N, C-alpha and C. Protein backbone atom coordinates (compact mmCIF):
# COMPACT_ATOMS: atom_id res chain seq x y z
N MET A 1 0.25 -10.87 25.58
CA MET A 1 1.48 -9.79 25.57
C MET A 1 1.42 -8.81 24.53
N ALA A 2 1.70 -7.64 25.08
CA ALA A 2 1.79 -6.52 23.64
C ALA A 2 2.26 -6.33 22.56
N GLY A 3 3.42 -7.07 22.78
CA GLY A 3 4.32 -7.39 21.54
C GLY A 3 3.50 -8.44 20.57
N ARG A 4 2.79 -9.19 20.79
CA ARG A 4 1.89 -10.37 20.36
C ARG A 4 0.49 -10.09 19.60
N GLN A 5 0.28 -8.58 20.05
CA GLN A 5 -1.34 -8.27 20.20
C GLN A 5 -1.62 -8.39 18.78
N GLN A 6 -2.67 -9.19 17.99
CA GLN A 6 -3.15 -9.09 16.92
C GLN A 6 -3.99 -8.42 16.69
N PRO A 7 -4.31 -7.73 15.16
CA PRO A 7 -5.57 -7.05 14.77
C PRO A 7 -6.55 -7.91 14.99
N SER A 8 -7.59 -6.67 15.54
CA SER A 8 -9.00 -7.20 15.75
C SER A 8 -9.97 -6.13 15.36
N PHE A 9 -11.42 -6.64 15.51
CA PHE A 9 -12.58 -5.63 14.91
C PHE A 9 -12.83 -4.75 16.15
N ARG A 10 -11.63 -4.35 16.97
CA ARG A 10 -12.35 -3.05 17.86
C ARG A 10 -12.61 -1.81 17.29
N TYR A 11 -12.10 -1.50 16.21
CA TYR A 11 -12.35 -0.16 15.55
C TYR A 11 -13.81 -0.03 14.98
N GLU A 12 -13.72 -1.61 13.90
CA GLU A 12 -14.91 -1.69 13.09
C GLU A 12 -16.18 -1.66 14.11
N ARG A 13 -16.40 -2.34 15.40
CA ARG A 13 -17.21 -2.61 15.84
C ARG A 13 -17.78 -1.17 16.56
N LEU A 14 -17.11 0.15 16.17
CA LEU A 14 -17.58 1.08 16.67
C LEU A 14 -18.62 1.84 15.76
N TYR A 15 -18.79 0.90 14.38
CA TYR A 15 -19.70 1.73 13.50
C TYR A 15 -20.80 0.85 12.97
N ALA A 16 -21.44 0.79 12.03
CA ALA A 16 -22.35 0.03 11.31
C ALA A 16 -21.74 -0.29 10.15
N ASP A 17 -21.79 -1.28 9.69
CA ASP A 17 -21.28 -1.53 8.48
C ASP A 17 -22.15 -0.92 6.91
N PRO A 18 -21.30 -0.61 6.19
CA PRO A 18 -19.76 -1.30 5.75
C PRO A 18 -18.99 -0.12 6.72
N VAL A 19 -17.94 -1.04 6.93
CA VAL A 19 -16.78 -0.23 7.72
C VAL A 19 -15.40 -0.39 6.51
N VAL A 20 -14.58 0.43 5.97
CA VAL A 20 -13.57 0.19 5.28
C VAL A 20 -12.36 0.23 6.03
N GLY A 21 -11.60 -0.62 5.41
CA GLY A 21 -10.11 -0.28 6.30
C GLY A 21 -9.19 -0.08 4.90
N VAL A 22 -8.34 0.97 5.09
CA VAL A 22 -7.23 1.91 4.19
C VAL A 22 -6.06 1.20 4.61
N ASP A 23 -5.06 0.94 3.47
CA ASP A 23 -3.67 1.13 3.73
C ASP A 23 -2.69 1.49 2.35
N GLU A 24 -1.57 1.76 2.50
CA GLU A 24 -0.77 1.89 1.12
C GLU A 24 0.18 1.10 1.24
N ALA A 25 1.10 1.26 0.26
CA ALA A 25 2.65 0.17 -0.28
C ALA A 25 3.31 1.51 -1.07
N GLY A 26 4.57 1.56 -0.83
CA GLY A 26 5.16 1.87 -1.82
C GLY A 26 5.67 3.78 -1.50
N ARG A 27 5.25 4.21 -0.11
CA ARG A 27 5.62 5.40 -0.15
C ARG A 27 7.37 6.01 -0.51
N GLY A 28 7.84 4.85 0.11
CA GLY A 28 9.21 5.42 0.30
C GLY A 28 10.44 4.79 -0.90
N PRO A 29 9.99 3.89 -2.02
CA PRO A 29 10.76 3.63 -2.99
C PRO A 29 11.07 4.95 -3.93
N LEU A 30 12.32 4.71 -4.41
CA LEU A 30 12.92 5.57 -5.65
C LEU A 30 12.20 5.50 -6.79
N ALA A 31 11.64 4.27 -7.31
CA ALA A 31 11.00 3.98 -8.47
C ALA A 31 9.44 3.31 -8.16
N GLY A 32 8.70 3.27 -8.91
CA GLY A 32 7.31 2.67 -9.06
C GLY A 32 6.28 3.06 -8.62
N PRO A 33 5.08 3.03 -8.77
CA PRO A 33 4.08 3.73 -8.27
C PRO A 33 3.91 3.65 -6.44
N VAL A 34 2.68 4.16 -6.25
CA VAL A 34 2.32 4.06 -4.99
C VAL A 34 0.93 3.23 -4.98
N VAL A 35 1.10 2.25 -4.04
CA VAL A 35 -0.55 1.66 -4.12
C VAL A 35 -1.16 1.61 -2.78
N ALA A 36 -2.49 1.83 -2.69
CA ALA A 36 -3.60 1.97 -1.91
C ALA A 36 -4.47 0.65 -2.30
N ALA A 37 -4.89 0.09 -1.08
CA ALA A 37 -5.95 -0.91 -0.93
C ALA A 37 -7.33 -0.10 0.02
N ALA A 38 -8.34 -0.85 -0.42
CA ALA A 38 -9.26 -0.50 0.73
C ALA A 38 -9.99 -1.73 0.54
N VAL A 39 -10.60 -2.30 1.89
CA VAL A 39 -11.02 -3.64 2.38
C VAL A 39 -12.41 -3.40 3.08
N VAL A 40 -13.28 -4.22 2.82
CA VAL A 40 -14.38 -4.37 3.60
C VAL A 40 -14.41 -6.09 4.11
N LEU A 41 -14.53 -6.27 5.18
CA LEU A 41 -14.32 -7.59 5.62
C LEU A 41 -15.82 -8.06 5.89
N ASP A 42 -16.25 -9.46 5.75
CA ASP A 42 -17.30 -10.14 6.23
C ASP A 42 -16.73 -10.36 7.25
N ARG A 43 -17.49 -9.99 8.63
CA ARG A 43 -16.96 -10.32 10.03
C ARG A 43 -17.51 -12.04 10.06
N ARG A 44 -18.15 -12.65 9.40
CA ARG A 44 -18.18 -13.91 9.70
C ARG A 44 -17.10 -15.03 8.82
N ARG A 45 -16.86 -14.49 7.94
CA ARG A 45 -15.89 -15.11 7.23
C ARG A 45 -14.34 -14.36 7.14
N VAL A 46 -13.97 -14.34 8.23
CA VAL A 46 -12.34 -13.65 8.44
C VAL A 46 -11.35 -14.35 7.88
N PRO A 47 -10.52 -14.22 6.94
CA PRO A 47 -9.21 -14.87 6.82
C PRO A 47 -8.40 -14.87 7.90
N GLN A 48 -7.83 -16.17 8.37
CA GLN A 48 -7.04 -16.42 9.75
C GLN A 48 -5.40 -15.97 9.40
N GLY A 49 -5.14 -15.08 10.13
CA GLY A 49 -3.47 -14.61 10.36
C GLY A 49 -3.38 -13.44 9.49
N LEU A 50 -4.78 -12.65 9.79
CA LEU A 50 -4.59 -11.20 9.41
C LEU A 50 -3.51 -10.52 9.96
N ASN A 51 -2.62 -9.63 9.60
CA ASN A 51 -1.52 -8.84 10.30
C ASN A 51 -0.93 -7.88 9.60
N ASP A 52 0.01 -7.11 10.03
CA ASP A 52 0.29 -5.93 9.06
C ASP A 52 1.34 -6.70 8.29
N SER A 53 1.49 -6.11 6.81
CA SER A 53 1.84 -7.03 5.95
C SER A 53 3.16 -7.16 6.33
N LYS A 54 3.84 -6.24 7.03
CA LYS A 54 5.33 -6.03 7.15
C LYS A 54 5.91 -7.17 7.99
N LYS A 55 4.94 -7.58 8.64
CA LYS A 55 5.26 -9.05 9.72
C LYS A 55 4.95 -10.20 9.14
N LEU A 56 4.83 -10.34 8.02
CA LEU A 56 4.44 -11.77 7.11
C LEU A 56 5.45 -11.65 6.29
N SER A 57 5.75 -13.22 6.31
CA SER A 57 6.66 -13.48 4.99
C SER A 57 5.93 -13.45 3.62
N GLN A 58 6.38 -13.55 2.43
CA GLN A 58 6.13 -13.30 1.33
C GLN A 58 4.79 -14.44 1.17
N ASP A 59 5.19 -15.42 1.38
CA ASP A 59 4.26 -16.91 1.15
C ASP A 59 2.85 -16.64 1.85
N VAL A 60 3.01 -16.50 2.89
CA VAL A 60 2.15 -15.89 3.73
C VAL A 60 1.19 -14.96 3.56
N ARG A 61 1.95 -13.63 2.99
CA ARG A 61 0.88 -12.49 2.29
C ARG A 61 0.62 -12.95 0.37
N GLU A 62 1.12 -13.84 0.04
CA GLU A 62 0.48 -14.11 -1.18
C GLU A 62 -0.90 -15.11 -0.60
N ALA A 63 -0.97 -16.38 0.35
CA ALA A 63 -1.93 -16.85 0.60
C ALA A 63 -2.89 -15.95 0.99
N LEU A 64 -2.58 -14.86 2.43
CA LEU A 64 -3.88 -14.30 2.49
C LEU A 64 -4.32 -13.30 1.62
N TYR A 65 -3.56 -13.04 0.64
CA TYR A 65 -4.01 -11.97 -0.46
C TYR A 65 -5.36 -12.91 -1.34
N ALA A 66 -5.14 -13.97 -1.46
CA ALA A 66 -5.78 -14.72 -2.50
C ALA A 66 -6.91 -15.06 -1.26
N ARG A 67 -6.98 -15.32 -0.35
CA ARG A 67 -8.22 -15.51 0.83
C ARG A 67 -9.22 -14.32 1.03
N ILE A 68 -8.32 -13.33 1.10
CA ILE A 68 -8.92 -11.77 1.60
C ILE A 68 -9.84 -11.54 -0.24
N ARG A 69 -9.07 -11.86 -1.42
CA ARG A 69 -9.74 -11.63 -2.26
C ARG A 69 -11.30 -12.35 -2.50
N LYS A 70 -10.94 -13.75 -2.20
CA LYS A 70 -12.31 -14.65 -2.31
C LYS A 70 -13.17 -13.92 -1.25
N LEU A 71 -13.23 -13.69 0.24
CA LEU A 71 -13.84 -13.37 1.22
C LEU A 71 -14.33 -12.05 1.39
N ALA A 72 -13.48 -11.16 0.68
CA ALA A 72 -14.13 -9.96 1.29
C ALA A 72 -14.39 -8.60 -0.22
N GLY A 73 -14.93 -7.57 0.10
CA GLY A 73 -14.47 -6.60 -0.66
C GLY A 73 -13.35 -5.93 -0.92
N VAL A 74 -12.88 -5.60 -2.10
CA VAL A 74 -11.69 -5.22 -2.42
C VAL A 74 -11.60 -4.00 -3.47
N GLY A 75 -11.14 -2.81 -3.09
CA GLY A 75 -10.83 -2.08 -4.03
C GLY A 75 -9.23 -1.45 -4.02
N VAL A 76 -8.60 -1.12 -5.27
CA VAL A 76 -7.26 -1.04 -5.03
C VAL A 76 -7.26 0.50 -5.89
N GLY A 77 -6.20 1.41 -5.58
CA GLY A 77 -5.77 2.55 -6.23
C GLY A 77 -4.59 2.75 -6.27
N ILE A 78 -4.11 2.97 -7.75
CA ILE A 78 -2.56 3.53 -8.08
C ILE A 78 -2.56 5.07 -8.34
N ALA A 79 -1.32 5.24 -8.15
CA ALA A 79 -0.88 6.67 -8.43
C ALA A 79 0.37 6.45 -8.94
N ASP A 80 0.74 6.92 -10.17
CA ASP A 80 1.73 6.36 -11.06
C ASP A 80 2.94 7.34 -10.56
N VAL A 81 4.10 6.97 -11.23
CA VAL A 81 5.36 8.16 -10.96
C VAL A 81 5.18 9.50 -11.52
N GLU A 82 4.77 9.58 -12.62
CA GLU A 82 4.34 11.01 -13.15
C GLU A 82 3.58 11.74 -12.16
N GLU A 83 2.58 10.99 -11.63
CA GLU A 83 1.80 11.67 -10.28
C GLU A 83 2.49 12.19 -9.29
N ILE A 84 3.20 11.05 -8.66
CA ILE A 84 4.12 11.37 -7.52
C ILE A 84 4.94 12.68 -8.04
N ASP A 85 5.40 12.54 -9.01
CA ASP A 85 6.62 13.87 -9.16
C ASP A 85 5.93 15.19 -9.63
N ARG A 86 4.44 14.84 -9.83
CA ARG A 86 3.73 16.26 -10.14
C ARG A 86 3.18 17.05 -9.17
N ILE A 87 2.66 15.90 -8.01
CA ILE A 87 1.94 16.64 -6.77
C ILE A 87 2.55 16.25 -5.54
N ASN A 88 3.79 15.42 -5.65
CA ASN A 88 4.54 15.15 -4.26
C ASN A 88 4.00 13.45 -3.77
N ILE A 89 4.73 12.93 -3.28
CA ILE A 89 4.45 11.90 -2.76
C ILE A 89 2.89 11.64 -1.81
N TYR A 90 2.78 12.33 -1.04
CA TYR A 90 2.07 12.66 0.07
C TYR A 90 0.56 12.79 -0.66
N GLN A 91 0.61 13.70 -1.41
CA GLN A 91 -0.75 13.99 -2.11
C GLN A 91 -0.72 13.11 -3.32
N ALA A 92 -0.11 12.16 -3.66
CA ALA A 92 -0.59 11.09 -4.64
C ALA A 92 -0.69 10.02 -3.78
N THR A 93 0.02 9.68 -2.56
CA THR A 93 -0.82 8.59 -1.83
C THR A 93 -1.94 8.81 -1.16
N MET A 94 -2.40 9.95 -0.95
CA MET A 94 -4.13 10.58 -0.80
C MET A 94 -4.81 10.13 -2.05
N LEU A 95 -4.31 10.34 -3.00
CA LEU A 95 -5.00 9.92 -4.31
C LEU A 95 -5.20 8.72 -4.73
N ALA A 96 -4.12 8.00 -4.32
CA ALA A 96 -4.28 6.44 -4.53
C ALA A 96 -5.36 5.94 -3.36
N MET A 97 -5.17 6.17 -2.00
CA MET A 97 -6.59 5.90 -1.27
C MET A 97 -7.68 6.27 -1.73
N GLN A 98 -8.02 7.37 -2.56
CA GLN A 98 -9.24 7.91 -2.49
C GLN A 98 -10.01 6.84 -4.08
N ARG A 99 -8.55 6.52 -4.72
CA ARG A 99 -8.98 6.19 -5.95
C ARG A 99 -9.29 4.18 -5.42
N ALA A 100 -8.60 3.68 -4.20
CA ALA A 100 -8.93 2.56 -3.85
C ALA A 100 -10.38 2.35 -3.37
N VAL A 101 -10.88 3.36 -2.67
CA VAL A 101 -12.32 3.42 -1.67
C VAL A 101 -13.44 3.56 -2.98
N ASP A 102 -13.30 4.43 -4.03
CA ASP A 102 -14.00 4.67 -4.95
C ASP A 102 -13.99 3.05 -5.99
N ALA A 103 -12.89 2.62 -5.88
CA ALA A 103 -13.40 1.19 -6.68
C ALA A 103 -13.93 0.26 -5.92
N LEU A 104 -14.37 0.29 -4.56
CA LEU A 104 -15.00 -0.41 -4.38
C LEU A 104 -16.58 -0.57 -4.45
N GLY A 105 -17.14 0.49 -4.91
CA GLY A 105 -18.33 0.70 -5.09
C GLY A 105 -19.29 0.82 -4.47
N VAL A 106 -19.01 0.82 -2.88
CA VAL A 106 -19.67 0.90 -1.70
C VAL A 106 -19.89 2.22 -1.20
N GLU A 107 -20.92 2.71 -0.65
CA GLU A 107 -20.78 3.61 0.38
C GLU A 107 -20.13 3.19 1.98
N PRO A 108 -19.29 3.73 2.40
CA PRO A 108 -19.06 3.11 3.53
C PRO A 108 -19.35 4.34 4.83
N VAL A 109 -19.74 3.62 5.95
CA VAL A 109 -20.28 4.07 6.93
C VAL A 109 -19.23 5.04 7.48
N MET A 110 -18.10 4.16 7.60
CA MET A 110 -16.73 4.77 8.15
C MET A 110 -15.63 4.24 7.47
N VAL A 111 -14.65 4.95 7.07
CA VAL A 111 -13.33 4.56 6.39
C VAL A 111 -12.21 4.62 7.45
N LEU A 112 -11.47 3.66 8.04
CA LEU A 112 -10.30 3.67 8.89
C LEU A 112 -8.87 3.58 8.01
N VAL A 113 -8.45 4.62 8.08
CA VAL A 113 -7.05 5.10 7.56
C VAL A 113 -5.75 4.80 8.20
N ASP A 114 -4.72 3.86 7.81
CA ASP A 114 -3.65 3.56 8.47
C ASP A 114 -2.97 5.02 8.61
N GLY A 115 -2.24 5.69 9.72
CA GLY A 115 -1.66 6.57 9.49
C GLY A 115 -2.27 7.78 10.87
N ASN A 116 -1.91 8.81 10.58
CA ASN A 116 -2.61 9.93 11.42
C ASN A 116 -3.51 11.01 10.62
N ARG A 117 -3.28 10.81 9.15
CA ARG A 117 -4.18 11.69 8.24
C ARG A 117 -4.86 10.84 7.38
N CYS A 118 -6.18 11.42 6.96
CA CYS A 118 -7.00 11.09 5.88
C CYS A 118 -6.95 11.71 4.73
N PRO A 119 -7.26 11.06 3.62
CA PRO A 119 -7.81 12.17 2.32
C PRO A 119 -8.68 13.12 2.75
N LYS A 120 -8.83 14.19 1.88
CA LYS A 120 -9.68 15.02 2.03
C LYS A 120 -10.94 14.68 0.84
N TRP A 121 -11.85 13.93 1.46
CA TRP A 121 -12.75 13.22 0.45
C TRP A 121 -14.05 13.66 1.02
N ARG A 122 -15.37 12.53 0.79
CA ARG A 122 -16.42 12.89 0.95
C ARG A 122 -16.75 11.75 2.19
N TYR A 123 -16.16 10.65 1.83
CA TYR A 123 -16.36 9.91 3.01
C TYR A 123 -16.19 10.07 4.58
N PRO A 124 -16.55 9.73 5.37
CA PRO A 124 -16.60 10.00 6.98
C PRO A 124 -15.09 9.35 7.30
N ALA A 125 -14.39 9.82 7.79
CA ALA A 125 -13.16 8.55 7.83
C ALA A 125 -12.33 8.87 9.20
N ARG A 126 -11.94 8.27 9.90
CA ARG A 126 -10.83 7.96 10.96
C ARG A 126 -9.29 7.62 10.89
N PRO A 127 -8.36 8.42 11.08
CA PRO A 127 -7.22 7.53 11.13
C PRO A 127 -6.81 6.95 12.37
N VAL A 128 -6.22 5.87 12.12
CA VAL A 128 -5.81 5.03 13.01
C VAL A 128 -4.24 4.67 12.95
N VAL A 129 -3.40 5.25 13.94
CA VAL A 129 -1.84 5.16 13.85
C VAL A 129 -1.46 3.99 14.56
N GLY A 130 -0.74 3.27 13.61
CA GLY A 130 -0.14 2.10 13.37
C GLY A 130 -1.39 1.04 13.25
N GLY A 131 -2.53 1.28 12.16
CA GLY A 131 -4.03 0.28 12.14
C GLY A 131 -3.52 -0.81 11.39
N ASP A 132 -2.48 -0.87 10.56
CA ASP A 132 -2.19 -2.38 10.24
C ASP A 132 -2.13 -3.54 11.11
N ALA A 133 -1.61 -3.19 12.65
CA ALA A 133 -1.35 -3.84 13.36
C ALA A 133 -2.38 -3.82 14.48
N LEU A 134 -3.44 -3.32 14.20
CA LEU A 134 -4.51 -3.09 15.32
C LEU A 134 -5.89 -3.44 14.98
N CYS A 135 -6.11 -3.18 13.79
CA CYS A 135 -7.39 -3.24 12.85
C CYS A 135 -7.14 -4.24 11.66
N ARG A 136 -8.64 -5.15 11.78
CA ARG A 136 -8.27 -6.11 10.78
C ARG A 136 -8.44 -5.78 9.43
N SER A 137 -9.41 -4.88 9.21
CA SER A 137 -9.43 -4.29 7.93
C SER A 137 -8.44 -3.91 7.45
N ILE A 138 -7.64 -2.71 8.18
CA ILE A 138 -6.65 -1.95 7.45
C ILE A 138 -5.19 -3.25 7.51
N ALA A 139 -5.37 -4.13 8.13
CA ALA A 139 -4.29 -5.09 8.11
C ALA A 139 -4.50 -6.01 6.54
N ALA A 140 -5.99 -6.25 6.72
CA ALA A 140 -5.97 -6.66 5.42
C ALA A 140 -5.89 -5.81 3.95
N ALA A 141 -5.83 -4.88 4.03
CA ALA A 141 -5.84 -3.51 3.19
C ALA A 141 -4.16 -3.73 2.90
N SER A 142 -3.46 -3.48 4.11
CA SER A 142 -2.13 -3.66 3.93
C SER A 142 -1.32 -4.67 3.20
N ILE A 143 -2.17 -5.76 3.21
CA ILE A 143 -1.68 -6.94 2.40
C ILE A 143 -2.01 -7.09 1.01
N ILE A 144 -3.06 -6.36 0.74
CA ILE A 144 -3.55 -6.57 -0.70
C ILE A 144 -2.60 -5.14 -1.27
N ALA A 145 -2.90 -4.38 -0.61
CA ALA A 145 -1.76 -3.14 -1.27
C ALA A 145 -0.22 -3.45 -1.52
N LYS A 146 0.58 -4.54 -0.56
CA LYS A 146 1.73 -4.70 -0.67
C LYS A 146 1.96 -5.88 -1.78
N VAL A 147 1.19 -6.93 -1.74
CA VAL A 147 1.35 -7.56 -2.94
C VAL A 147 1.21 -7.44 -4.03
N THR A 148 -0.12 -6.42 -4.49
CA THR A 148 -0.42 -5.77 -5.49
C THR A 148 1.17 -5.09 -5.88
N ARG A 149 1.72 -4.16 -5.04
CA ARG A 149 2.78 -3.61 -5.51
C ARG A 149 3.81 -4.22 -5.83
N ASP A 150 4.17 -5.57 -5.06
CA ASP A 150 5.45 -6.02 -4.99
C ASP A 150 5.25 -7.06 -6.74
N ARG A 151 3.74 -7.22 -7.17
CA ARG A 151 3.37 -7.92 -8.11
C ARG A 151 4.06 -6.76 -9.59
N ILE A 152 3.66 -5.55 -9.22
CA ILE A 152 4.21 -4.58 -10.21
C ILE A 152 5.52 -4.27 -10.58
N MET A 153 6.28 -4.62 -9.48
CA MET A 153 7.55 -4.14 -9.32
C MET A 153 8.18 -5.26 -9.88
N ALA A 154 7.61 -6.60 -9.67
CA ALA A 154 8.21 -7.71 -10.51
C ALA A 154 8.15 -7.93 -12.01
N ASP A 155 7.09 -7.14 -12.36
CA ASP A 155 6.78 -7.44 -13.72
C ASP A 155 7.89 -6.00 -14.19
N HIS A 156 8.08 -4.78 -13.65
CA HIS A 156 8.80 -3.76 -14.14
C HIS A 156 10.10 -4.43 -14.19
N HIS A 157 10.40 -5.45 -13.51
CA HIS A 157 12.11 -5.92 -13.48
C HIS A 157 12.18 -6.10 -14.65
N ALA A 158 11.21 -7.13 -15.53
CA ALA A 158 11.67 -7.85 -16.33
C ALA A 158 11.99 -7.15 -17.40
N SER A 159 11.22 -5.59 -17.48
CA SER A 159 11.75 -4.54 -18.49
C SER A 159 12.87 -3.83 -18.45
N HIS A 160 13.20 -3.98 -17.06
CA HIS A 160 14.21 -2.97 -16.60
C HIS A 160 14.92 -3.41 -15.54
N PRO A 161 15.52 -4.85 -16.17
CA PRO A 161 16.38 -5.80 -15.16
C PRO A 161 17.57 -5.40 -14.31
N GLY A 162 18.16 -4.14 -14.76
CA GLY A 162 19.33 -3.92 -14.13
C GLY A 162 19.36 -3.22 -12.68
N TYR A 163 18.19 -2.78 -12.57
CA TYR A 163 17.88 -2.09 -11.11
C TYR A 163 17.58 -3.44 -9.89
N GLY A 164 17.08 -4.56 -10.17
CA GLY A 164 17.45 -5.35 -9.13
C GLY A 164 15.65 -5.49 -8.43
N TRP A 165 14.76 -4.82 -9.27
CA TRP A 165 13.46 -4.55 -8.62
C TRP A 165 12.62 -5.72 -8.00
N ALA A 166 12.92 -7.14 -8.68
CA ALA A 166 12.30 -7.98 -8.51
C ALA A 166 12.65 -8.62 -6.89
N SER A 167 13.57 -7.99 -6.13
CA SER A 167 14.12 -8.44 -4.79
C SER A 167 13.92 -6.86 -4.15
N ASN A 168 14.31 -5.85 -4.33
CA ASN A 168 14.36 -4.60 -3.96
C ASN A 168 12.91 -3.78 -3.79
N LYS A 169 12.05 -4.10 -4.83
CA LYS A 169 10.60 -3.48 -5.15
C LYS A 169 10.75 -1.53 -5.29
N GLY A 170 11.97 -1.35 -5.75
CA GLY A 170 12.26 -0.02 -6.21
C GLY A 170 12.90 0.64 -4.74
N TYR A 171 13.03 0.23 -3.62
CA TYR A 171 13.65 0.84 -2.27
C TYR A 171 14.85 1.09 -2.74
N GLY A 172 15.28 2.30 -1.92
CA GLY A 172 16.92 2.68 -1.90
C GLY A 172 18.01 1.68 -1.61
N THR A 173 18.20 0.21 -1.60
CA THR A 173 19.22 -0.56 -1.41
C THR A 173 20.27 0.08 -1.98
N PRO A 174 21.27 -0.74 -1.07
CA PRO A 174 22.93 -0.12 -1.85
C PRO A 174 22.88 -0.72 -3.32
N ALA A 175 22.85 -1.78 -3.37
CA ALA A 175 22.62 -2.42 -4.54
C ALA A 175 21.79 -1.49 -6.02
N HIS A 176 20.55 -1.32 -5.51
CA HIS A 176 19.66 -0.22 -6.59
C HIS A 176 20.67 0.97 -6.60
N LEU A 177 20.78 1.43 -5.32
CA LEU A 177 21.67 3.06 -5.78
C LEU A 177 23.01 2.60 -6.41
N ALA A 178 23.42 1.41 -6.26
CA ALA A 178 24.96 1.57 -7.33
C ALA A 178 24.33 1.54 -8.90
N ALA A 179 23.21 0.59 -8.87
CA ALA A 179 22.67 0.37 -10.31
C ALA A 179 22.34 1.78 -10.87
N LEU A 180 21.69 2.44 -10.11
CA LEU A 180 21.46 3.84 -10.33
C LEU A 180 22.46 4.71 -10.98
N ALA A 181 23.20 4.08 -10.10
CA ALA A 181 24.33 5.43 -10.27
C ALA A 181 25.34 4.90 -11.75
N GLU A 182 25.15 3.60 -12.01
CA GLU A 182 25.76 3.21 -13.19
C GLU A 182 25.01 3.43 -14.41
N LEU A 183 23.43 3.10 -14.28
CA LEU A 183 23.02 3.21 -15.35
C LEU A 183 21.71 4.33 -15.76
N GLY A 184 22.24 5.29 -14.63
CA GLY A 184 21.16 6.32 -14.64
C GLY A 184 19.87 6.12 -14.43
N PRO A 185 18.91 7.04 -14.33
CA PRO A 185 17.20 6.50 -13.85
C PRO A 185 16.81 6.24 -15.13
N SER A 186 15.89 4.91 -14.74
CA SER A 186 14.80 4.42 -15.70
C SER A 186 13.43 5.73 -15.96
N PRO A 187 12.78 5.71 -16.91
CA PRO A 187 11.57 6.20 -16.53
C PRO A 187 10.45 5.87 -15.59
N LEU A 188 10.65 4.69 -14.87
CA LEU A 188 10.36 4.31 -13.50
C LEU A 188 10.63 5.20 -12.57
N HIS A 189 11.63 6.00 -12.49
CA HIS A 189 12.24 6.42 -11.09
C HIS A 189 11.73 8.08 -11.13
N ARG A 190 11.55 7.87 -9.57
CA ARG A 190 10.70 8.95 -9.25
C ARG A 190 11.64 10.36 -9.19
N ARG A 191 11.63 11.00 -10.17
CA ARG A 191 12.76 12.17 -10.20
C ARG A 191 12.57 13.16 -9.14
N SER A 192 11.38 13.36 -8.18
CA SER A 192 11.63 14.50 -7.13
C SER A 192 12.08 13.80 -5.87
N PHE A 193 12.45 12.48 -6.00
CA PHE A 193 13.15 12.09 -4.87
C PHE A 193 14.71 12.29 -5.04
N ALA A 194 15.32 12.75 -3.86
CA ALA A 194 16.66 13.17 -4.00
C ALA A 194 17.67 12.23 -4.70
N PRO A 195 18.05 10.87 -4.74
CA PRO A 195 18.82 10.37 -4.89
C PRO A 195 18.86 10.44 -6.46
N VAL A 196 17.68 10.44 -7.09
CA VAL A 196 17.34 10.43 -8.51
C VAL A 196 17.65 11.65 -8.75
N ALA A 197 17.15 12.79 -8.04
CA ALA A 197 17.28 14.10 -8.55
C ALA A 197 18.68 14.83 -8.86
N GLN A 198 19.26 14.17 -7.85
CA GLN A 198 20.85 14.47 -7.96
C GLN A 198 21.69 13.79 -9.03
N LEU A 199 20.99 12.78 -9.65
CA LEU A 199 21.79 11.89 -10.92
C LEU A 199 21.25 12.78 -12.00
N CYS A 200 20.17 13.49 -12.16
CA CYS A 200 19.54 14.14 -13.09
C CYS A 200 20.12 15.32 -13.40
N LEU A 201 20.52 15.86 -12.52
CA LEU A 201 21.21 17.16 -12.75
C LEU A 201 22.94 16.79 -13.24
N LEU A 202 23.50 15.55 -13.07
CA LEU A 202 24.88 15.50 -13.50
C LEU A 202 24.97 16.06 -15.16
């Protein structure tokens, strides 16, 4: 059934190795960095259960994160809040993706990027719309990016506990917006995002 379709190697098989899957986490939140991951899977040793990170529970994501780290090549790239505010979230996302592929230390034959656009880089690349649900390498990258960013926001929660980042991860939940209105923006809030920018003008 289409609704139960699992990611496959359909796209990876079109190219010689190494094929890299890339995805990001954190384009939408009001606070914290955007994180991208690049993954090269060993097709002989693939962690079972790979899927779009949004379709997995936190416990499953954490378990898969550990398996991917053990069995695959992984690169992580981060664009921080200052970069997001300076060059905008789209460009910061592209920058994080480039950093993730650079961090792999391999020369890819093809980079498969989740979404409809690829960064302007030197690598051969192909966008795959909905790739985190279709392509195993991108699914693995989505898990690495999501878990990495969630851990970063949990660490930030310890130093900025009033905003609830341990649970909302910086997204604009009602509780986060209420805390933002009461406490004002922290240094980790994205001042280029409307809800934060409006408070900075008060």
